[in-house]
Amino acid sequence: MSMEAMLREMVSRHAEDAPKAPTFIAQALRDEAAFYARHCPFQVGDLVTPRKGTTYKGAGEAHIVVAIIEDAEHDLSLGGVGSIKHGKRFDMRVLCWEQGAFPPYWVESASFEAWVDPHADVATPATGTDTAAA
């Protein structure tokens, strides 16, 4: 990695940690609440990854959905009141690759997004090639 690339990465990390304006934080909280309130948008067999900024490790790494509980409830028996585990709504079970094994675990689907292969070729659609009218 070049020195310039290292400096750019350091600056971008610092920018993420820089204090944010209250209006930015308020909007980010609204956006996160809307994401959290949705029903599970995934299906068994979908490849997903933890969203950046959630408590799950492995953002950007592929996980596969193996089970979904549509009517999952918030589990108030986990952790103490005020802990991040207390009240979690485990509505999706996933497998991931971990040191040659595929451990399954329950997660909150709101903390996940569709996985995109970072090595896949993204085809750009050609413009002006509409053959439907021909």
N, C-alpha and C. Protein backbone atom coordinates (compact mmCIF):
# COMPACT_ATOMS: atom_id res chain seq x y z
N MET A 1 0.85 -1.16 0.00
CA MET A 1 0.00 0.00 0.00
C MET A 1 0.90 1.23 0.00
N SER A 2 0.59 2.17 -0.86
CA SER A 2 1.41 3.38 -0.95
C SER A 2 1.16 4.29 0.25
N MET A 3 2.09 5.17 0.49
CA MET A 3 1.96 6.13 1.59
C MET A 3 0.72 7.00 1.39
N GLU A 4 0.46 7.39 0.16
CA GLU A 4 -0.70 8.23 -0.14
C GLU A 4 -2.00 7.49 0.20
N ALA A 5 -2.08 6.21 -0.17
CA ALA A 5 -3.27 5.42 0.13
C ALA A 5 -3.45 5.26 1.64
N MET A 6 -2.34 5.05 2.35
CA MET A 6 -2.42 4.92 3.81
C MET A 6 -2.93 6.21 4.44
N LEU A 7 -2.45 7.35 3.97
CA LEU A 7 -2.90 8.63 4.51
C LEU A 7 -4.38 8.86 4.21
N ARG A 8 -4.82 8.53 2.99
CA ARG A 8 -6.24 8.66 2.64
C ARG A 8 -7.11 7.82 3.56
N GLU A 9 -6.67 6.59 3.83
CA GLU A 9 -7.42 5.70 4.72
C GLU A 9 -7.49 6.25 6.13
N MET A 10 -6.37 6.79 6.62
CA MET A 10 -6.35 7.37 7.96
C MET A 10 -7.30 8.57 8.05
N VAL A 11 -7.31 9.42 7.03
CA VAL A 11 -8.19 10.59 7.02
C VAL A 11 -9.65 10.15 6.98
N SER A 12 -9.97 9.14 6.18
CA SER A 12 -11.36 8.69 6.10
C SER A 12 -11.81 8.08 7.43
N ARG A 13 -10.94 7.35 8.11
CA ARG A 13 -11.29 6.80 9.43
C ARG A 13 -11.53 7.92 10.43
N HIS A 14 -10.69 8.94 10.38
CA HIS A 14 -10.85 10.07 11.30
C HIS A 14 -12.16 10.80 11.02
N ALA A 15 -12.52 10.95 9.75
CA ALA A 15 -13.76 11.63 9.39
C ALA A 15 -14.97 10.88 9.94
N GLU A 16 -14.91 9.53 9.94
CA GLU A 16 -16.02 8.73 10.48
C GLU A 16 -16.16 8.94 11.98
N ASP A 17 -15.04 9.15 12.68
CA ASP A 17 -15.05 9.32 14.13
C ASP A 17 -15.26 10.76 14.57
N ALA A 18 -15.22 11.71 13.63
CA ALA A 18 -15.36 13.12 13.97
C ALA A 18 -16.75 13.38 14.55
N PRO A 19 -16.88 14.33 15.46
CA PRO A 19 -18.20 14.66 16.02
C PRO A 19 -19.17 15.04 14.92
N LYS A 20 -20.40 14.62 15.08
CA LYS A 20 -21.44 14.89 14.08
C LYS A 20 -22.42 15.93 14.63
N ALA A 21 -23.01 16.69 13.72
CA ALA A 21 -24.00 17.70 14.10
C ALA A 21 -25.25 17.01 14.65
N PRO A 22 -25.95 17.63 15.60
CA PRO A 22 -27.17 17.03 16.16
C PRO A 22 -28.21 16.68 15.10
N THR A 23 -28.34 17.49 14.05
CA THR A 23 -29.32 17.17 13.00
C THR A 23 -28.91 15.92 12.24
N PHE A 24 -27.61 15.73 12.04
CA PHE A 24 -27.11 14.51 11.38
C PHE A 24 -27.45 13.29 12.24
N ILE A 25 -27.18 13.40 13.54
CA ILE A 25 -27.45 12.28 14.46
C ILE A 25 -28.94 11.98 14.51
N ALA A 26 -29.78 13.02 14.58
CA ALA A 26 -31.24 12.82 14.63
C ALA A 26 -31.73 12.08 13.39
N GLN A 27 -31.24 12.48 12.20
CA GLN A 27 -31.66 11.80 10.98
C GLN A 27 -31.14 10.38 10.93
N ALA A 28 -29.90 10.17 11.36
CA ALA A 28 -29.34 8.81 11.39
C ALA A 28 -30.15 7.92 12.32
N LEU A 29 -30.60 8.45 13.46
CA LEU A 29 -31.44 7.67 14.38
C LEU A 29 -32.78 7.33 13.74
N ARG A 30 -33.39 8.28 13.03
CA ARG A 30 -34.67 8.00 12.35
C ARG A 30 -34.48 6.91 11.29
N ASP A 31 -33.41 7.03 10.52
CA ASP A 31 -33.14 6.03 9.47
C ASP A 31 -32.94 4.65 10.07
N GLU A 32 -32.17 4.58 11.15
CA GLU A 32 -31.89 3.30 11.81
C GLU A 32 -33.17 2.70 12.39
N ALA A 33 -34.02 3.54 13.00
CA ALA A 33 -35.27 3.07 13.58
C ALA A 33 -36.19 2.50 12.50
N ALA A 34 -36.24 3.13 11.33
CA ALA A 34 -37.06 2.63 10.23
C ALA A 34 -36.54 1.28 9.76
N PHE A 35 -35.22 1.13 9.69
CA PHE A 35 -34.60 -0.12 9.28
C PHE A 35 -34.92 -1.22 10.29
N TYR A 36 -34.85 -0.87 11.58
CA TYR A 36 -35.06 -1.83 12.66
C TYR A 36 -36.52 -2.30 12.73
N ALA A 37 -37.44 -1.43 12.37
CA ALA A 37 -38.87 -1.74 12.50
C ALA A 37 -39.41 -2.62 11.37
N ARG A 38 -38.68 -2.76 10.30
CA ARG A 38 -39.18 -3.52 9.15
C ARG A 38 -39.23 -5.01 9.45
N HIS A 39 -40.03 -5.71 8.66
CA HIS A 39 -40.04 -7.17 8.76
C HIS A 39 -38.85 -7.72 7.98
N CYS A 40 -38.49 -8.93 8.24
CA CYS A 40 -37.32 -9.53 7.60
C CYS A 40 -37.52 -9.57 6.08
N PRO A 41 -36.67 -8.88 5.33
CA PRO A 41 -36.82 -8.85 3.87
C PRO A 41 -36.13 -10.01 3.16
N PHE A 42 -35.49 -10.90 3.92
CA PHE A 42 -34.70 -11.96 3.32
C PHE A 42 -35.47 -13.28 3.28
N GLN A 43 -34.96 -14.20 2.48
CA GLN A 43 -35.53 -15.54 2.38
C GLN A 43 -34.42 -16.55 2.63
N VAL A 44 -34.82 -17.75 3.00
CA VAL A 44 -33.86 -18.83 3.17
C VAL A 44 -33.09 -19.00 1.86
N GLY A 45 -31.78 -19.06 1.96
CA GLY A 45 -30.92 -19.19 0.78
C GLY A 45 -30.30 -17.88 0.34
N ASP A 46 -30.78 -16.74 0.85
CA ASP A 46 -30.19 -15.45 0.49
C ASP A 46 -28.81 -15.31 1.11
N LEU A 47 -27.91 -14.66 0.40
CA LEU A 47 -26.60 -14.31 0.94
C LEU A 47 -26.70 -12.91 1.53
N VAL A 48 -26.29 -12.76 2.78
CA VAL A 48 -26.39 -11.50 3.50
C VAL A 48 -25.06 -11.20 4.19
N THR A 49 -24.94 -10.00 4.72
CA THR A 49 -23.75 -9.60 5.47
C THR A 49 -24.17 -8.60 6.55
N PRO A 50 -23.49 -8.59 7.68
CA PRO A 50 -23.81 -7.59 8.70
C PRO A 50 -23.61 -6.18 8.14
N ARG A 51 -24.54 -5.29 8.45
CA ARG A 51 -24.39 -3.90 8.04
C ARG A 51 -23.28 -3.25 8.87
N LYS A 52 -22.53 -2.38 8.24
CA LYS A 52 -21.48 -1.64 8.94
C LYS A 52 -22.14 -0.82 10.05
N GLY A 53 -21.50 -0.81 11.21
CA GLY A 53 -22.02 -0.03 12.32
C GLY A 53 -22.93 -0.80 13.25
N THR A 54 -23.18 -2.09 12.96
CA THR A 54 -23.99 -2.91 13.85
C THR A 54 -23.06 -3.66 14.81
N THR A 55 -23.65 -4.37 15.75
CA THR A 55 -22.84 -5.08 16.74
C THR A 55 -22.31 -6.41 16.22
N TYR A 56 -22.73 -6.82 15.03
CA TYR A 56 -22.26 -8.09 14.47
C TYR A 56 -20.94 -7.88 13.74
N LYS A 57 -20.04 -8.83 13.92
CA LYS A 57 -18.75 -8.80 13.22
C LYS A 57 -18.93 -9.36 11.81
N GLY A 58 -17.97 -9.06 10.95
CA GLY A 58 -17.96 -9.67 9.62
C GLY A 58 -18.66 -8.87 8.55
N ALA A 59 -18.79 -7.56 8.71
CA ALA A 59 -19.39 -6.74 7.66
C ALA A 59 -18.62 -6.95 6.36
N GLY A 60 -19.34 -7.23 5.30
CA GLY A 60 -18.73 -7.48 4.00
C GLY A 60 -18.48 -8.94 3.71
N GLU A 61 -18.56 -9.79 4.75
CA GLU A 61 -18.36 -11.23 4.56
C GLU A 61 -19.71 -11.90 4.34
N ALA A 62 -19.72 -12.88 3.44
CA ALA A 62 -20.97 -13.57 3.11
C ALA A 62 -21.45 -14.48 4.24
N HIS A 63 -22.74 -14.44 4.49
CA HIS A 63 -23.45 -15.34 5.38
C HIS A 63 -24.64 -15.85 4.57
N ILE A 64 -25.15 -17.04 4.87
CA ILE A 64 -26.33 -17.52 4.17
C ILE A 64 -27.46 -17.72 5.16
N VAL A 65 -28.65 -17.29 4.76
CA VAL A 65 -29.84 -17.42 5.61
C VAL A 65 -30.32 -18.87 5.55
N VAL A 66 -30.48 -19.50 6.72
CA VAL A 66 -30.93 -20.90 6.76
C VAL A 66 -32.30 -21.05 7.44
N ALA A 67 -32.76 -20.03 8.14
CA ALA A 67 -34.08 -20.08 8.76
C ALA A 67 -34.55 -18.67 9.08
N ILE A 68 -35.86 -18.50 9.08
CA ILE A 68 -36.48 -17.21 9.42
C ILE A 68 -37.67 -17.47 10.32
N ILE A 69 -37.84 -16.66 11.33
CA ILE A 69 -39.02 -16.71 12.20
C ILE A 69 -39.80 -15.42 11.94
N GLU A 70 -40.91 -15.53 11.24
CA GLU A 70 -41.69 -14.35 10.87
C GLU A 70 -42.27 -13.62 12.08
N ASP A 71 -42.71 -14.36 13.08
CA ASP A 71 -43.37 -13.75 14.24
C ASP A 71 -42.45 -13.72 15.45
N ALA A 72 -41.18 -13.50 15.24
CA ALA A 72 -40.23 -13.46 16.35
C ALA A 72 -40.58 -12.32 17.30
N GLU A 73 -40.36 -12.55 18.57
CA GLU A 73 -40.62 -11.56 19.60
C GLU A 73 -39.30 -11.08 20.19
N HIS A 74 -39.33 -9.92 20.80
CA HIS A 74 -38.14 -9.40 21.49
C HIS A 74 -37.89 -10.27 22.72
N ASP A 75 -36.67 -10.76 22.87
CA ASP A 75 -36.32 -11.64 23.97
C ASP A 75 -35.85 -10.82 25.17
N LEU A 76 -36.72 -10.68 26.16
CA LEU A 76 -36.41 -9.89 27.35
C LEU A 76 -35.68 -10.68 28.42
N SER A 77 -35.39 -11.97 28.14
CA SER A 77 -34.67 -12.78 29.12
C SER A 77 -33.16 -12.69 28.94
N LEU A 78 -32.72 -12.13 27.82
CA LEU A 78 -31.28 -12.02 27.54
C LEU A 78 -30.69 -10.79 28.19
N GLY A 79 -29.53 -10.94 28.79
CA GLY A 79 -28.81 -9.80 29.35
C GLY A 79 -29.64 -9.02 30.36
N GLY A 80 -29.01 -8.04 30.94
CA GLY A 80 -29.71 -7.18 31.88
C GLY A 80 -30.33 -6.00 31.16
N VAL A 81 -31.29 -5.36 31.81
CA VAL A 81 -31.90 -4.17 31.24
C VAL A 81 -30.79 -3.16 30.97
N GLY A 82 -30.77 -2.62 29.78
CA GLY A 82 -29.74 -1.66 29.39
C GLY A 82 -28.60 -2.29 28.60
N SER A 83 -28.51 -3.63 28.59
CA SER A 83 -27.46 -4.26 27.80
C SER A 83 -27.92 -4.34 26.34
N ILE A 84 -26.99 -4.47 25.42
CA ILE A 84 -27.37 -4.53 24.00
C ILE A 84 -28.06 -5.85 23.65
N LYS A 85 -27.90 -6.87 24.48
CA LYS A 85 -28.57 -8.15 24.21
C LYS A 85 -30.02 -8.16 24.66
N HIS A 86 -30.33 -7.38 25.69
CA HIS A 86 -31.67 -7.38 26.26
C HIS A 86 -32.69 -6.90 25.23
N GLY A 87 -33.68 -7.74 24.95
CA GLY A 87 -34.74 -7.37 24.03
C GLY A 87 -34.44 -7.58 22.56
N LYS A 88 -33.35 -8.27 22.24
CA LYS A 88 -33.05 -8.53 20.83
C LYS A 88 -34.18 -9.37 20.23
N ARG A 89 -34.41 -9.16 18.95
CA ARG A 89 -35.45 -9.89 18.21
C ARG A 89 -34.74 -10.78 17.19
N PHE A 90 -34.38 -11.98 17.64
CA PHE A 90 -33.66 -12.92 16.77
C PHE A 90 -34.65 -13.55 15.80
N ASP A 91 -34.67 -13.06 14.58
CA ASP A 91 -35.65 -13.53 13.60
C ASP A 91 -35.02 -14.22 12.40
N MET A 92 -33.69 -14.37 12.40
CA MET A 92 -33.03 -14.97 11.24
C MET A 92 -31.82 -15.80 11.72
N ARG A 93 -31.68 -16.99 11.16
CA ARG A 93 -30.53 -17.84 11.48
C ARG A 93 -29.64 -17.89 10.25
N VAL A 94 -28.34 -17.71 10.47
CA VAL A 94 -27.38 -17.67 9.36
C VAL A 94 -26.23 -18.63 9.62
N LEU A 95 -25.56 -18.99 8.54
CA LEU A 95 -24.28 -19.71 8.59
C LEU A 95 -23.23 -18.79 8.00
N CYS A 96 -22.02 -18.89 8.52
CA CYS A 96 -20.91 -18.14 7.93
C CYS A 96 -19.69 -19.05 7.92
N TRP A 97 -18.69 -18.66 7.17
CA TRP A 97 -17.43 -19.40 7.11
C TRP A 97 -16.55 -18.90 8.24
N GLU A 98 -16.15 -19.80 9.12
CA GLU A 98 -15.28 -19.40 10.22
C GLU A 98 -14.24 -20.48 10.46
N GLN A 99 -13.03 -20.23 10.00
CA GLN A 99 -11.91 -21.13 10.17
C GLN A 99 -12.23 -22.57 9.75
N GLY A 100 -12.82 -22.70 8.57
CA GLY A 100 -13.09 -24.02 8.01
C GLY A 100 -14.37 -24.67 8.49
N ALA A 101 -15.16 -23.97 9.31
CA ALA A 101 -16.43 -24.50 9.81
C ALA A 101 -17.55 -23.54 9.41
N PHE A 102 -18.78 -23.99 9.56
CA PHE A 102 -19.95 -23.18 9.23
C PHE A 102 -20.87 -23.08 10.44
N PRO A 103 -20.50 -22.30 11.46
CA PRO A 103 -21.33 -22.22 12.65
C PRO A 103 -22.64 -21.48 12.38
N PRO A 104 -23.77 -22.04 12.81
CA PRO A 104 -25.05 -21.34 12.67
C PRO A 104 -25.30 -20.48 13.91
N TYR A 105 -25.93 -19.34 13.72
CA TYR A 105 -26.34 -18.54 14.87
C TYR A 105 -27.52 -17.65 14.50
N TRP A 106 -28.30 -17.30 15.53
CA TRP A 106 -29.47 -16.45 15.36
C TRP A 106 -29.03 -14.99 15.40
N VAL A 107 -29.64 -14.17 14.55
CA VAL A 107 -29.32 -12.75 14.45
C VAL A 107 -30.60 -11.94 14.29
N GLU A 108 -30.45 -10.64 14.40
CA GLU A 108 -31.54 -9.72 14.07
C GLU A 108 -31.38 -9.33 12.60
N SER A 109 -32.38 -9.61 11.79
CA SER A 109 -32.28 -9.32 10.35
C SER A 109 -32.07 -7.84 10.09
N ALA A 110 -32.53 -6.97 10.98
CA ALA A 110 -32.37 -5.53 10.80
C ALA A 110 -30.90 -5.12 10.77
N SER A 111 -30.03 -5.97 11.28
CA SER A 111 -28.60 -5.66 11.29
C SER A 111 -27.88 -6.19 10.05
N PHE A 112 -28.64 -6.71 9.09
CA PHE A 112 -28.03 -7.30 7.90
C PHE A 112 -28.54 -6.64 6.64
N GLU A 113 -27.75 -6.80 5.58
CA GLU A 113 -28.12 -6.33 4.25
C GLU A 113 -27.72 -7.40 3.25
N ALA A 114 -28.20 -7.28 2.04
CA ALA A 114 -27.83 -8.24 1.00
C ALA A 114 -26.33 -8.18 0.76
N TRP A 115 -25.71 -9.35 0.60
CA TRP A 115 -24.28 -9.42 0.34
C TRP A 115 -24.04 -9.23 -1.14
N VAL A 116 -23.03 -8.46 -1.49
CA VAL A 116 -22.63 -8.24 -2.88
C VAL A 116 -21.19 -8.72 -3.01
N ASP A 117 -20.96 -9.60 -3.96
CA ASP A 117 -19.62 -10.13 -4.19
C ASP A 117 -18.70 -9.00 -4.65
N PRO A 118 -17.69 -8.67 -3.86
CA PRO A 118 -16.82 -7.56 -4.24
C PRO A 118 -15.95 -7.86 -5.46
N HIS A 119 -15.89 -9.12 -5.86
CA HIS A 119 -15.06 -9.51 -7.00
C HIS A 119 -15.87 -9.74 -8.27
N ALA A 120 -17.19 -9.58 -8.19
CA ALA A 120 -18.04 -9.83 -9.35
C ALA A 120 -17.88 -8.70 -10.36
N ASP A 121 -17.93 -9.05 -11.64
CA ASP A 121 -17.90 -8.04 -12.69
C ASP A 121 -19.28 -7.42 -12.76
N VAL A 122 -19.32 -6.11 -12.71
CA VAL A 122 -20.59 -5.41 -12.82
C VAL A 122 -20.73 -4.97 -14.27
N ALA A 123 -21.71 -5.55 -14.95
CA ALA A 123 -21.91 -5.22 -16.36
C ALA A 123 -22.67 -3.90 -16.45
N THR A 124 -22.17 -3.01 -17.24
CA THR A 124 -22.84 -1.74 -17.47
C THR A 124 -23.75 -1.90 -18.67
N PRO A 125 -25.06 -1.62 -18.49
CA PRO A 125 -25.96 -1.78 -19.63
C PRO A 125 -25.61 -0.80 -20.75
N ALA A 126 -25.65 -1.30 -21.93
CA ALA A 126 -25.36 -0.45 -23.09
C ALA A 126 -26.53 0.50 -23.33
N THR A 127 -26.24 1.71 -23.76
CA THR A 127 -27.29 2.67 -24.03
C THR A 127 -27.52 2.73 -25.53
N GLY A 128 -28.75 2.99 -25.90
CA GLY A 128 -29.08 3.12 -27.32
C GLY A 128 -29.12 1.82 -28.06
N THR A 129 -29.33 0.71 -27.35
CA THR A 129 -29.37 -0.60 -28.03
C THR A 129 -30.73 -1.24 -27.85
N ASP A 130 -31.79 -0.47 -27.81
CA ASP A 130 -33.13 -1.00 -27.63
C ASP A 130 -33.54 -1.74 -28.90
N THR A 131 -33.64 -3.05 -28.81
CA THR A 131 -33.98 -3.86 -29.98
C THR A 131 -35.45 -4.23 -29.98
N ALA A 132 -36.20 -3.80 -28.95
CA ALA A 132 -37.62 -4.15 -28.86
C ALA A 132 -38.42 -3.54 -30.00
N ALA A 133 -38.02 -2.36 -30.47
CA ALA A 133 -38.76 -1.68 -31.53
C ALA A 133 -38.38 -2.21 -32.91
N ALA A 134 -37.33 -2.99 -33.02
CA ALA A 134 -36.86 -3.45 -34.34
C ALA A 134 -37.69 -4.55 -34.88
